[in-house]
């Protein structure tokens, strides 16, 4: 067992803490602040913290954005930490028009252009709907950010009708990482941009080799186009709102574990 794994077992009389994981540190920041922390860690390059969340043993971590970073990060964490369940949190773009900004959706199913993605944990899904008022949705993982309403509409049209749907870059990678180890998982996403909205910037022009957004290049683009400051600041506000909503939903789900 790794020294980190030993620390996890020493921290808790109950083996197997819950792993709360996101791509971006901002998406999980409220949960990290709520953690009563015994130890801060860095696992495979991912910042993490071990402690208790509302009395529940937990590890809170972020991998960096993009599918490649998510896949590497979750595997490194699972190699080091004996977790019992995985709860993924993060932002998403709305594909279904009725999903408003800030709305929390939960993974009824996860899909991408590859092989079948293993299903999320059914009891946890029911708990998310019951205790956190999350909207069941199909989460679509794509390699590039959907910037325009027309791109989102095409993605929605490719899905079976009926379910709500949202889009992101990492959900399938997290789901497969959990399934490889046989660990139950669930994914919560907060809507950052609606189906009808165009993002203020084509972030695909700033993707790096791992499929994440290079923030330094974005900052340089903003310096060249100051008119981007206001809409990007508004988007950042939605990220903060979404992170707060996700934290409330995650804590409600964990609190419902005894029921």
C-alpha atoms as a PDB file:
ATOM      1  CA  UNK A   1       0.000   0.000   0.000  1.00  0.00           C
ATOM      2  CA  UNK A   2       1.283   3.514  -0.793  1.00  0.00           C
ATOM      3  CA  UNK A   3       2.109   5.929   1.997  1.00  0.00           C
ATOM      4  CA  UNK A   4      -0.880   7.997   0.899  1.00  0.00           C
ATOM      5  CA  UNK A   5      -3.123   4.950   1.095  1.00  0.00           C
ATOM      6  CA  UNK A   6      -1.818   4.233   4.577  1.00  0.00           C
ATOM      7  CA  UNK A   7      -2.561   7.821   5.591  1.00  0.00           C
ATOM      8  CA  UNK A   8      -6.119   7.433   4.309  1.00  0.00           C
ATOM      9  CA  UNK A   9      -6.695   4.348   6.445  1.00  0.00           C
ATOM     10  CA  UNK A  10      -5.086   6.003   9.466  1.00  0.00           C
ATOM     11  CA  UNK A  11      -7.327   9.050   9.008  1.00  0.00           C
ATOM     12  CA  UNK A  12     -10.542   7.046   9.026  1.00  0.00           C
ATOM     13  CA  UNK A  13     -11.844   4.093  10.958  1.00  0.00           C
ATOM     14  CA  UNK A  14     -14.048   3.394   7.923  1.00  0.00           C
ATOM     15  CA  UNK A  15     -11.998   2.135   4.951  1.00  0.00           C
ATOM     16  CA  UNK A  16     -12.607   3.733   1.613  1.00  0.00           C
ATOM     17  CA  UNK A  17     -13.357   7.456   1.681  1.00  0.00           C
ATOM     18  CA  UNK A  18     -15.459   9.068  -1.028  1.00  0.00           C
ATOM     19  CA  UNK A  19     -13.457  10.680  -3.838  1.00  0.00           C
ATOM     20  CA  UNK A  20     -14.831  14.070  -4.878  1.00  0.00           C
ATOM     21  CA  UNK A  21     -13.115  15.011  -8.119  1.00  0.00           C
ATOM     22  CA  UNK A  22     -13.302  17.704 -10.792  1.00  0.00           C
ATOM     23  CA  UNK A  23     -11.318  18.834 -13.796  1.00  0.00           C
ATOM     24  CA  UNK A  24     -10.809  22.442 -12.669  1.00  0.00           C
ATOM     25  CA  UNK A  25      -9.873  23.478  -9.150  1.00  0.00           C
ATOM     26  CA  UNK A  26     -12.497  26.251  -9.288  1.00  0.00           C
ATOM     27  CA  UNK A  27     -15.272  23.725  -9.877  1.00  0.00           C
ATOM     28  CA  UNK A  28     -14.576  21.934  -6.602  1.00  0.00           C
ATOM     29  CA  UNK A  29     -13.293  24.873  -4.532  1.00  0.00           C
ATOM     30  CA  UNK A  30     -16.357  25.161  -2.219  1.00  0.00           C
ATOM     31  CA  UNK A  31     -16.118  21.467  -1.359  1.00  0.00           C
ATOM     32  CA  UNK A  32     -12.414  21.762  -0.706  1.00  0.00           C
ATOM     33  CA  UNK A  33     -13.007  24.729   1.608  1.00  0.00           C
ATOM     34  CA  UNK A  34     -15.658  22.744   3.496  1.00  0.00           C
ATOM     35  CA  UNK A  35     -13.305  19.826   4.052  1.00  0.00           C
ATOM     36  CA  UNK A  36     -11.930  19.490   7.554  1.00  0.00           C
ATOM     37  CA  UNK A  37      -8.446  18.766   6.295  1.00  0.00           C
ATOM     38  CA  UNK A  38      -5.894  16.524   7.949  1.00  0.00           C
ATOM     39  CA  UNK A  39      -3.477  16.395   5.037  1.00  0.00           C
ATOM     40  CA  UNK A  40      -2.884  18.159   1.729  1.00  0.00           C
ATOM     41  CA  UNK A  41      -1.487  15.962  -1.023  1.00  0.00           C
ATOM     42  CA  UNK A  42      -0.255  16.000  -4.585  1.00  0.00           C
ATOM     43  CA  UNK A  43      -0.981  12.773  -6.437  1.00  0.00           C
ATOM     44  CA  UNK A  44       0.283  12.313  -9.985  1.00  0.00           C
ATOM     45  CA  UNK A  45       0.451  16.080 -10.348  1.00  0.00           C
ATOM     46  CA  UNK A  46      -3.116  16.536  -9.078  1.00  0.00           C
ATOM     47  CA  UNK A  47      -3.729  18.766  -6.038  1.00  0.00           C
ATOM     48  CA  UNK A  48      -5.747  16.864  -3.439  1.00  0.00           C
ATOM     49  CA  UNK A  49      -6.781  17.028   0.199  1.00  0.00           C
ATOM     50  CA  UNK A  50      -7.711  14.294   2.637  1.00  0.00           C
ATOM     51  CA  UNK A  51     -10.112  14.893   5.494  1.00  0.00           C
ATOM     52  CA  UNK A  52     -13.788  14.819   6.426  1.00  0.00           C
ATOM     53  CA  UNK A  53     -16.728  16.483   4.739  1.00  0.00           C
ATOM     54  CA  UNK A  54     -19.672  16.793   7.123  1.00  0.00           C
ATOM     55  CA  UNK A  55     -18.154  13.938   9.094  1.00  0.00           C
ATOM     56  CA  UNK A  56     -17.693  11.687   6.042  1.00  0.00           C
ATOM     57  CA  UNK A  57     -14.138  10.576   5.112  1.00  0.00           C
ATOM     58  CA  UNK A  58     -13.344  12.209   1.789  1.00  0.00           C
ATOM     59  CA  UNK A  59     -10.597  13.009  -0.690  1.00  0.00           C
ATOM     60  CA  UNK A  60     -11.097  16.170  -2.768  1.00  0.00           C
ATOM     61  CA  UNK A  61      -9.008  16.490  -5.937  1.00  0.00           C
ATOM     62  CA  UNK A  62      -8.794  18.161  -9.353  1.00  0.00           C
ATOM     63  CA  UNK A  63      -7.029  16.803 -12.430  1.00  0.00           C
ATOM     64  CA  UNK A  64      -6.858  19.675 -14.891  1.00  0.00           C
ATOM     65  CA  UNK A  65      -9.191  20.022 -17.844  1.00  0.00           C
ATOM     66  CA  UNK A  66      -9.372  17.882 -20.960  1.00  0.00           C
ATOM     67  CA  UNK A  67     -10.019  14.164 -21.301  1.00  0.00           C
ATOM     68  CA  UNK A  68      -6.357  13.154 -21.243  1.00  0.00           C
ATOM     69  CA  UNK A  69      -5.654  14.936 -17.958  1.00  0.00           C
ATOM     70  CA  UNK A  70      -8.864  13.611 -16.423  1.00  0.00           C
ATOM     71  CA  UNK A  71      -7.995  10.031 -17.383  1.00  0.00           C
ATOM     72  CA  UNK A  72      -4.415  10.269 -16.099  1.00  0.00           C
ATOM     73  CA  UNK A  73      -5.428  12.071 -12.938  1.00  0.00           C
ATOM     74  CA  UNK A  74      -8.221   9.768 -11.823  1.00  0.00           C
ATOM     75  CA  UNK A  75      -6.070   6.692 -12.458  1.00  0.00           C
ATOM     76  CA  UNK A  76      -3.177   8.140 -10.452  1.00  0.00           C
ATOM     77  CA  UNK A  77      -5.481   8.978  -7.562  1.00  0.00           C
ATOM     78  CA  UNK A  78      -7.097   5.543  -7.591  1.00  0.00           C
ATOM     79  CA  UNK A  79      -3.652   3.927  -7.659  1.00  0.00           C
ATOM     80  CA  UNK A  80      -2.768   5.840  -4.488  1.00  0.00           C
ATOM     81  CA  UNK A  81      -6.026   6.052  -2.531  1.00  0.00           C
ATOM     82  CA  UNK A  82      -8.426   3.202  -1.619  1.00  0.00           C
ATOM     83  CA  UNK A  83     -11.720   4.995  -2.266  1.00  0.00           C
ATOM     84  CA  UNK A  84     -15.182   3.464  -2.014  1.00  0.00           C
ATOM     85  CA  UNK A  85     -17.134   5.760  -4.363  1.00  0.00           C
ATOM     86  CA  UNK A  86     -16.457   8.565  -6.816  1.00  0.00           C
ATOM     87  CA  UNK A  87     -18.526  11.722  -7.146  1.00  0.00           C
ATOM     88  CA  UNK A  88     -17.468  13.901 -10.079  1.00  0.00           C
ATOM     89  CA  UNK A  89     -18.458  17.588 -10.111  1.00  0.00           C
ATOM     90  CA  UNK A  90     -18.000  20.208 -12.808  1.00  0.00           C
ATOM     91  CA  UNK A  91     -19.513  22.573 -15.327  1.00  0.00           C
ATOM     92  CA  UNK A  92     -21.234  21.714 -18.601  1.00  0.00           C
ATOM     93  CA  UNK A  93     -22.874  23.327 -21.569  1.00  0.00           C
ATOM     94  CA  UNK A  94     -26.596  22.866 -21.945  1.00  0.00           C
ATOM     95  CA  UNK A  95     -27.844  20.916 -24.947  1.00  0.00           C
ATOM     96  CA  UNK A  96     -31.519  20.829 -23.974  1.00  0.00           C
ATOM     97  CA  UNK A  97     -33.106  24.300 -24.213  1.00  0.00           C
ATOM     98  CA  UNK A  98     -34.945  24.156 -20.873  1.00  0.00           C
ATOM     99  CA  UNK A  99     -31.708  23.809 -18.853  1.00  0.00           C
ATOM    100  CA  UNK A 100     -30.977  27.232 -17.373  1.00  0.00           C
ATOM    101  CA  UNK A 101     -27.605  28.520 -16.229  1.00  0.00           C
ATOM    102  CA  UNK A 102     -26.726  27.214 -12.774  1.00  0.00           C
ATOM    103  CA  UNK A 103     -29.021  24.191 -13.039  1.00  0.00           C
ATOM    104  CA  UNK A 104     -27.507  20.996 -11.605  1.00  0.00           C
ATOM    105  CA  UNK A 105     -27.856  17.880 -13.731  1.00  0.00           C
ATOM    106  CA  UNK A 106     -26.902  14.327 -12.790  1.00  0.00           C
ATOM    107  CA  UNK A 107     -25.638  11.531 -15.009  1.00  0.00           C
ATOM    108  CA  UNK A 108     -28.446   9.191 -15.980  1.00  0.00           C
ATOM    109  CA  UNK A 109     -26.076   8.109 -18.760  1.00  0.00           C
ATOM    110  CA  UNK A 110     -22.664   9.136 -20.108  1.00  0.00           C
ATOM    111  CA  UNK A 111     -21.718   8.903 -23.778  1.00  0.00           C
ATOM    112  CA  UNK A 112     -19.008   9.884 -26.213  1.00  0.00           C
ATOM    113  CA  UNK A 113     -17.898   8.852 -29.680  1.00  0.00           C
ATOM    114  CA  UNK A 114     -16.006   5.824 -28.378  1.00  0.00           C
ATOM    115  CA  UNK A 115     -17.081   2.542 -26.838  1.00  0.00           C
ATOM    116  CA  UNK A 116     -19.910   2.237 -24.359  1.00  0.00           C
ATOM    117  CA  UNK A 117     -19.383   4.156 -21.140  1.00  0.00           C
ATOM    118  CA  UNK A 118     -20.320   2.158 -18.016  1.00  0.00           C
ATOM    119  CA  UNK A 119     -23.497   3.324 -16.292  1.00  0.00           C
ATOM    120  CA  UNK A 120     -23.441   5.452 -13.130  1.00  0.00           C
ATOM    121  CA  UNK A 121     -24.512   4.080  -9.769  1.00  0.00           C
ATOM    122  CA  UNK A 122     -28.323   3.740  -9.752  1.00  0.00           C
ATOM    123  CA  UNK A 123     -28.920   4.207  -5.976  1.00  0.00           C
ATOM    124  CA  UNK A 124     -26.746   7.313  -5.934  1.00  0.00           C
ATOM    125  CA  UNK A 125     -28.571   8.641  -9.009  1.00  0.00           C
ATOM    126  CA  UNK A 126     -31.905   8.215  -7.225  1.00  0.00           C
ATOM    127  CA  UNK A 127     -30.491   9.977  -4.183  1.00  0.00           C
ATOM    128  CA  UNK A 128     -29.289  12.912  -6.321  1.00  0.00           C
ATOM    129  CA  UNK A 129     -32.774  13.387  -7.736  1.00  0.00           C
ATOM    130  CA  UNK A 130     -34.457  12.955  -4.348  1.00  0.00           C
ATOM    131  CA  UNK A 131     -32.117  14.862  -2.040  1.00  0.00           C
ATOM    132  CA  UNK A 132     -30.408  17.362  -4.341  1.00  0.00           C
ATOM    133  CA  UNK A 133     -33.230  18.049  -6.841  1.00  0.00           C
ATOM    134  CA  UNK A 134     -30.773  17.339  -9.663  1.00  0.00           C
ATOM    135  CA  UNK A 135     -32.164  16.859 -13.171  1.00  0.00           C
ATOM    136  CA  UNK A 136     -31.354  13.440 -14.700  1.00  0.00           C
ATOM    137  CA  UNK A 137     -29.510  13.944 -17.970  1.00  0.00           C
ATOM    138  CA  UNK A 138     -27.359  12.326 -20.603  1.00  0.00           C
ATOM    139  CA  UNK A 139     -23.840  13.762 -20.342  1.00  0.00           C
ATOM    140  CA  UNK A 140     -22.110  13.925 -23.723  1.00  0.00           C
ATOM    141  CA  UNK A 141     -18.307  14.032 -23.744  1.00  0.00           C
ATOM    142  CA  UNK A 142     -16.760  15.772 -26.739  1.00  0.00           C
ATOM    143  CA  UNK A 143     -13.134  16.512 -27.721  1.00  0.00           C
ATOM    144  CA  UNK A 144     -13.843  20.155 -28.586  1.00  0.00           C
ATOM    145  CA  UNK A 145     -15.922  22.812 -26.877  1.00  0.00           C
ATOM    146  CA  UNK A 146     -19.336  23.467 -28.445  1.00  0.00           C
ATOM    147  CA  UNK A 147     -19.316  27.233 -28.861  1.00  0.00           C
ATOM    148  CA  UNK A 148     -22.505  28.022 -30.802  1.00  0.00           C
ATOM    149  CA  UNK A 149     -26.201  27.138 -30.524  1.00  0.00           C
ATOM    150  CA  UNK A 150     -26.022  25.345 -33.862  1.00  0.00           C
ATOM    151  CA  UNK A 151     -23.188  23.091 -32.657  1.00  0.00           C
ATOM    152  CA  UNK A 152     -25.141  22.279 -29.501  1.00  0.00           C
ATOM    153  CA  UNK A 153     -28.284  21.578 -31.522  1.00  0.00           C
ATOM    154  CA  UNK A 154     -26.411  19.112 -33.737  1.00  0.00           C
ATOM    155  CA  UNK A 155     -25.090  17.291 -30.680  1.00  0.00           C
ATOM    156  CA  UNK A 156     -28.587  17.096 -29.212  1.00  0.00           C
ATOM    157  CA  UNK A 157     -30.050  15.839 -32.496  1.00  0.00           C
ATOM    158  CA  UNK A 158     -27.625  12.886 -32.427  1.00  0.00           C
ATOM    159  CA  UNK A 159     -29.096  11.654 -29.117  1.00  0.00           C
ATOM    160  CA  UNK A 160     -32.257   9.619 -28.574  1.00  0.00           C
ATOM    161  CA  UNK A 161     -35.167  11.959 -27.802  1.00  0.00           C
ATOM    162  CA  UNK A 162     -36.498  12.405 -24.302  1.00  0.00           C
ATOM    163  CA  UNK A 163     -33.726  12.946 -21.767  1.00  0.00           C
ATOM    164  CA  UNK A 164     -32.232  16.270 -20.845  1.00  0.00           C
ATOM    165  CA  UNK A 165     -28.638  16.516 -22.094  1.00  0.00           C
ATOM    166  CA  UNK A 166     -25.481  18.493 -21.394  1.00  0.00           C
ATOM    167  CA  UNK A 167     -21.976  18.487 -22.838  1.00  0.00           C
ATOM    168  CA  UNK A 168     -18.461  18.597 -21.393  1.00  0.00           C
ATOM    169  CA  UNK A 169     -14.902  17.439 -22.050  1.00  0.00           C
ATOM    170  CA  UNK A 170     -14.193  14.908 -19.295  1.00  0.00           C
ATOM    171  CA  UNK A 171     -17.203  12.925 -18.017  1.00  0.00           C
ATOM    172  CA  UNK A 172     -16.489   9.774 -20.060  1.00  0.00           C
ATOM    173  CA  UNK A 173     -12.849   9.741 -18.949  1.00  0.00           C
ATOM    174  CA  UNK A 174     -13.842   9.929 -15.281  1.00  0.00           C
ATOM    175  CA  UNK A 175     -16.528   7.276 -15.736  1.00  0.00           C
ATOM    176  CA  UNK A 176     -14.166   4.843 -17.426  1.00  0.00           C
ATOM    177  CA  UNK A 177     -11.530   5.425 -14.769  1.00  0.00           C
ATOM    178  CA  UNK A 178     -14.049   4.467 -12.082  1.00  0.00           C
ATOM    179  CA  UNK A 179     -15.331   1.454 -14.008  1.00  0.00           C
ATOM    180  CA  UNK A 180     -11.813   0.086 -14.581  1.00  0.00           C
ATOM    181  CA  UNK A 181     -11.534  -0.367 -10.800  1.00  0.00           C
ATOM    182  CA  UNK A 182     -15.136  -1.447 -10.252  1.00  0.00           C
ATOM    183  CA  UNK A 183     -15.875   1.656  -8.179  1.00  0.00           C
ATOM    184  CA  UNK A 184     -19.430   3.089  -8.217  1.00  0.00           C
ATOM    185  CA  UNK A 185     -19.555   6.628  -9.587  1.00  0.00           C
ATOM    186  CA  UNK A 186     -21.906   9.524 -10.218  1.00  0.00           C
ATOM    187  CA  UNK A 187     -21.389  12.802 -12.077  1.00  0.00           C
ATOM    188  CA  UNK A 188     -22.932  16.162 -11.188  1.00  0.00           C
ATOM    189  CA  UNK A 189     -22.703  19.058 -13.626  1.00  0.00           C
ATOM    190  CA  UNK A 190     -23.890  22.653 -13.379  1.00  0.00           C
ATOM    191  CA  UNK A 191     -24.938  24.423 -16.582  1.00  0.00           C
ATOM    192  CA  UNK A 192     -22.512  27.248 -17.372  1.00  0.00           C
ATOM    193  CA  UNK A 193     -23.856  28.173 -20.834  1.00  0.00           C
ATOM    194  CA  UNK A 194     -27.306  27.369 -22.156  1.00  0.00           C
ATOM    195  CA  UNK A 195     -28.252  25.701 -25.430  1.00  0.00           C
ATOM    196  CA  UNK A 196     -29.241  29.059 -26.889  1.00  0.00           C
ATOM    197  CA  UNK A 197     -26.012  30.882 -26.011  1.00  0.00           C
ATOM    198  CA  UNK A 198     -22.845  31.512 -27.980  1.00  0.00           C
ATOM    199  CA  UNK A 199     -19.695  31.549 -25.873  1.00  0.00           C
ATOM    200  CA  UNK A 200     -17.843  34.887 -25.931  1.00  0.00           C
ATOM    201  CA  UNK A 201     -14.697  33.272 -27.306  1.00  0.00           C
ATOM    202  CA  UNK A 202     -13.917  30.219 -29.426  1.00  0.00           C
ATOM    203  CA  UNK A 203     -11.947  28.417 -26.749  1.00  0.00           C
ATOM    204  CA  UNK A 204     -11.034  25.670 -29.234  1.00  0.00           C
ATOM    205  CA  UNK A 205      -8.406  28.018 -30.642  1.00  0.00           C
ATOM    206  CA  UNK A 206      -6.631  27.771 -27.278  1.00  0.00           C
ATOM    207  CA  UNK A 207      -6.732  24.011 -26.632  1.00  0.00           C
ATOM    208  CA  UNK A 208      -3.445  22.362 -25.753  1.00  0.00           C
ATOM    209  CA  UNK A 209      -2.253  18.870 -26.663  1.00  0.00           C
ATOM    210  CA  UNK A 210      -4.208  17.321 -23.771  1.00  0.00           C
ATOM    211  CA  UNK A 211      -7.469  18.935 -24.845  1.00  0.00           C
ATOM    212  CA  UNK A 212      -7.556  21.563 -22.089  1.00  0.00           C
ATOM    213  CA  UNK A 213      -7.774  25.341 -22.435  1.00  0.00           C
ATOM    214  CA  UNK A 214      -4.430  27.166 -22.231  1.00  0.00           C
ATOM    215  CA  UNK A 215      -5.334  30.054 -19.943  1.00  0.00           C
ATOM    216  CA  UNK A 216      -2.205  32.024 -20.697  1.00  0.00           C
ATOM    217  CA  UNK A 217      -3.142  32.189 -24.361  1.00  0.00           C
ATOM    218  CA  UNK A 218      -6.686  33.198 -23.430  1.00  0.00           C
ATOM    219  CA  UNK A 219      -5.305  36.001 -21.257  1.00  0.00           C
ATOM    220  CA  UNK A 220      -3.195  37.254 -24.169  1.00  0.00           C
ATOM    221  CA  UNK A 221      -6.253  37.210 -26.432  1.00  0.00           C
ATOM    222  CA  UNK A 222      -8.172  39.274 -23.878  1.00  0.00           C
ATOM    223  CA  UNK A 223      -5.353  41.815 -23.717  1.00  0.00           C
ATOM    224  CA  UNK A 224      -5.654  42.197 -27.471  1.00  0.00           C
ATOM    225  CA  UNK A 225      -9.473  42.433 -27.300  1.00  0.00           C
ATOM    226  CA  UNK A 226     -10.544  44.218 -24.089  1.00  0.00           C
ATOM    227  CA  UNK A 227     -14.197  43.919 -25.163  1.00  0.00           C
ATOM    228  CA  UNK A 228     -13.946  40.256 -24.083  1.00  0.00           C
ATOM    229  CA  UNK A 229     -13.412  41.184 -20.441  1.00  0.00           C
ATOM    230  CA  UNK A 230     -17.070  41.753 -19.552  1.00  0.00           C
ATOM    231  CA  UNK A 231     -18.525  38.563 -21.100  1.00  0.00           C
ATOM    232  CA  UNK A 232     -15.680  36.422 -19.784  1.00  0.00           C
ATOM    233  CA  UNK A 233     -16.135  37.923 -16.330  1.00  0.00           C
ATOM    234  CA  UNK A 234     -19.819  37.025 -16.532  1.00  0.00           C
ATOM    235  CA  UNK A 235     -18.872  33.467 -17.478  1.00  0.00           C
ATOM    236  CA  UNK A 236     -16.540  33.343 -14.498  1.00  0.00           C
ATOM    237  CA  UNK A 237     -19.450  34.409 -12.294  1.00  0.00           C
ATOM    238  CA  UNK A 238     -21.455  31.500 -13.620  1.00  0.00           C
ATOM    239  CA  UNK A 239     -18.576  29.197 -12.764  1.00  0.00           C
ATOM    240  CA  UNK A 240     -18.676  30.456  -9.188  1.00  0.00           C
ATOM    241  CA  UNK A 241     -22.456  30.013  -9.026  1.00  0.00           C
ATOM    242  CA  UNK A 242     -22.182  26.542 -10.519  1.00  0.00           C
ATOM    243  CA  UNK A 243     -19.482  25.495  -8.062  1.00  0.00           C
ATOM    244  CA  UNK A 244     -21.627  26.622  -5.136  1.00  0.00           C
ATOM    245  CA  UNK A 245     -24.665  24.774  -6.489  1.00  0.00           C
ATOM    246  CA  UNK A 246     -22.596  21.647  -7.062  1.00  0.00           C
ATOM    247  CA  UNK A 247     -21.232  21.762  -3.519  1.00  0.00           C
ATOM    248  CA  UNK A 248     -24.737  21.969  -2.050  1.00  0.00           C
ATOM    249  CA  UNK A 249     -25.908  19.085  -4.236  1.00  0.00           C
ATOM    250  CA  UNK A 250     -22.892  16.921  -3.409  1.00  0.00           C
ATOM    251  CA  UNK A 251     -23.279  17.473   0.324  1.00  0.00           C
ATOM    252  CA  UNK A 252     -26.997  16.660   0.137  1.00  0.00           C
ATOM    253  CA  UNK A 253     -26.224  13.388  -1.665  1.00  0.00           C
ATOM    254  CA  UNK A 254     -23.564  12.395   0.862  1.00  0.00           C
ATOM    255  CA  UNK A 255     -25.809  13.323   3.776  1.00  0.00           C
ATOM    256  CA  UNK A 256     -28.513  11.037   2.385  1.00  0.00           C
ATOM    257  CA  UNK A 257     -26.254   8.003   2.663  1.00  0.00           C
ATOM    258  CA  UNK A 258     -27.899   6.797   5.842  1.00  0.00           C
ATOM    259  CA  UNK A 259     -31.343   6.665   4.275  1.00  0.00           C
END
